[in-house]
Protein backbone atom coordinates (compact mmCIF):
# COMPACT_ATOMS: atom_id res chain seq x y z
CA UNK A 1 96.02 82.17 82.50
CA UNK A 2 98.18 84.71 83.90
CA UNK A 3 100.59 83.12 85.99
CA UNK A 4 101.58 85.23 89.84
CA UNK A 5 105.32 85.87 87.72
CA UNK A 6 103.06 87.29 85.06
CA UNK A 7 100.95 89.24 87.27
CA UNK A 8 104.00 90.82 88.55
CA UNK A 9 106.10 91.98 86.14
CA UNK A 10 102.47 94.23 84.43
CA UNK A 11 101.91 95.49 87.80
CA UNK A 12 105.93 96.75 87.68
CA UNK A 13 105.91 97.57 84.06
CA UNK A 14 102.79 99.70 85.44
CA UNK A 15 104.67 101.17 88.26
CA UNK A 16 107.42 101.74 86.06
CA UNK A 17 105.88 103.90 83.82
CA UNK A 18 103.75 105.84 86.61
CA UNK A 19 107.30 106.88 87.65
CA UNK A 20 108.22 108.10 84.54
CA UNK A 21 105.47 110.14 84.00
CA UNK A 22 105.78 111.64 87.74
CA UNK A 23 109.04 111.76 87.68
CA UNK A 24 108.88 113.77 84.30
CA UNK A 25 106.38 116.34 85.65
CA UNK A 26 107.99 116.98 89.31
CA UNK A 27 111.26 117.43 87.18
CA UNK A 28 113.57 114.12 89.19
CA UNK A 29 113.55 116.47 92.30
CA UNK A 30 113.13 113.23 94.70
CA UNK A 31 117.04 113.05 93.23
CA UNK A 32 118.62 115.60 92.46
CA UNK A 33 116.43 118.52 95.04
CA UNK A 34 116.98 119.57 98.30
CA UNK A 35 115.03 116.46 99.83
CA UNK A 36 115.99 114.98 103.69
CA UNK A 37 115.83 111.84 104.23
CA UNK A 38 113.26 112.62 106.90
CA UNK A 39 111.50 114.85 103.90
CA UNK A 40 111.12 111.17 101.99
CA UNK A 41 110.42 109.42 104.63
CA UNK A 42 107.04 112.09 105.36
CA UNK A 43 106.04 111.18 101.85
CA UNK A 44 105.80 107.41 102.54
CA UNK A 45 103.65 108.96 105.76
CA UNK A 46 101.18 110.73 103.73
CA UNK A 47 101.03 108.02 101.79
CA UNK A 48 100.26 105.26 104.66
CA UNK A 49 97.77 108.05 106.36
CA UNK A 50 95.90 108.07 102.91
CA UNK A 51 95.49 105.03 103.12
CA UNK A 52 94.47 104.40 106.75
CA UNK A 53 91.80 106.94 105.70
CA UNK A 54 90.71 104.80 103.31
CA UNK A 55 90.43 101.48 105.48
CA UNK A 56 89.30 102.96 108.83
CA UNK A 57 86.97 105.67 107.64
CA UNK A 58 85.80 104.92 104.21
CA UNK A 59 87.30 107.22 102.01
CA UNK A 60 85.31 109.94 103.96
CA UNK A 61 88.10 112.40 104.62
CA UNK A 62 90.35 111.65 101.52
CA UNK A 63 91.86 115.24 100.71
CA UNK A 64 92.40 113.88 97.04
CA UNK A 65 89.07 112.26 96.43
CA UNK A 66 90.26 111.02 93.10
CA UNK A 67 92.82 108.67 94.21
CA UNK A 68 91.85 105.75 94.57
CA UNK A 69 93.33 103.48 96.90
CA UNK A 70 94.31 101.53 94.67
CA UNK A 71 96.33 104.45 93.04
CA UNK A 72 97.29 105.20 96.70
CA UNK A 73 98.86 101.71 96.88
CA UNK A 74 100.48 102.12 93.34
CA UNK A 75 101.84 105.65 94.34
CA UNK A 76 103.86 104.28 97.87
CA UNK A 77 105.76 101.40 95.58
CA UNK A 78 107.15 104.27 93.42
CA UNK A 79 107.90 105.87 96.27
CA UNK A 80 109.84 102.68 98.09
CA UNK A 81 111.71 101.66 95.43
CA UNK A 82 112.31 105.74 94.98
CA UNK A 83 113.57 105.28 98.28
CA UNK A 84 115.59 102.32 97.30
CA UNK A 85 117.18 103.90 94.47
CA UNK A 86 118.70 106.44 96.75
CA UNK A 87 119.83 104.54 99.82
CA UNK A 88 121.51 102.56 96.72
CA UNK A 89 123.41 105.86 95.04
CA UNK A 90 124.77 106.54 98.40
CA UNK A 91 126.96 102.87 98.76
C-alpha cells in the first residue's frame, strides 16, 4: 500500500518532469522573458478559469478539449511553484 507521503512524492516528481519538458519548449521564458507580475498572475487565472469550465459547465466550453481536469490541475501546480521560484529569486 502506498503511503500519502509516497503518493505526494510521486506526484511532485511528475510535476518536476512536466516543468522541465514545458520549460524547455518555452525556452525558460517565464523566468528570463518579459513576463510581468501581472502576466504571471494572469497565467494562474487562465488555469483557474479552465477549472471553472470543468466544474461549472461540465467542460462544454473548454478551449483545449484534449486537456483533462488532471492536466489543468497539474499545470496550475507548476505555475504556482514557478511563481514561488520567481518570488524567492527576488529576495
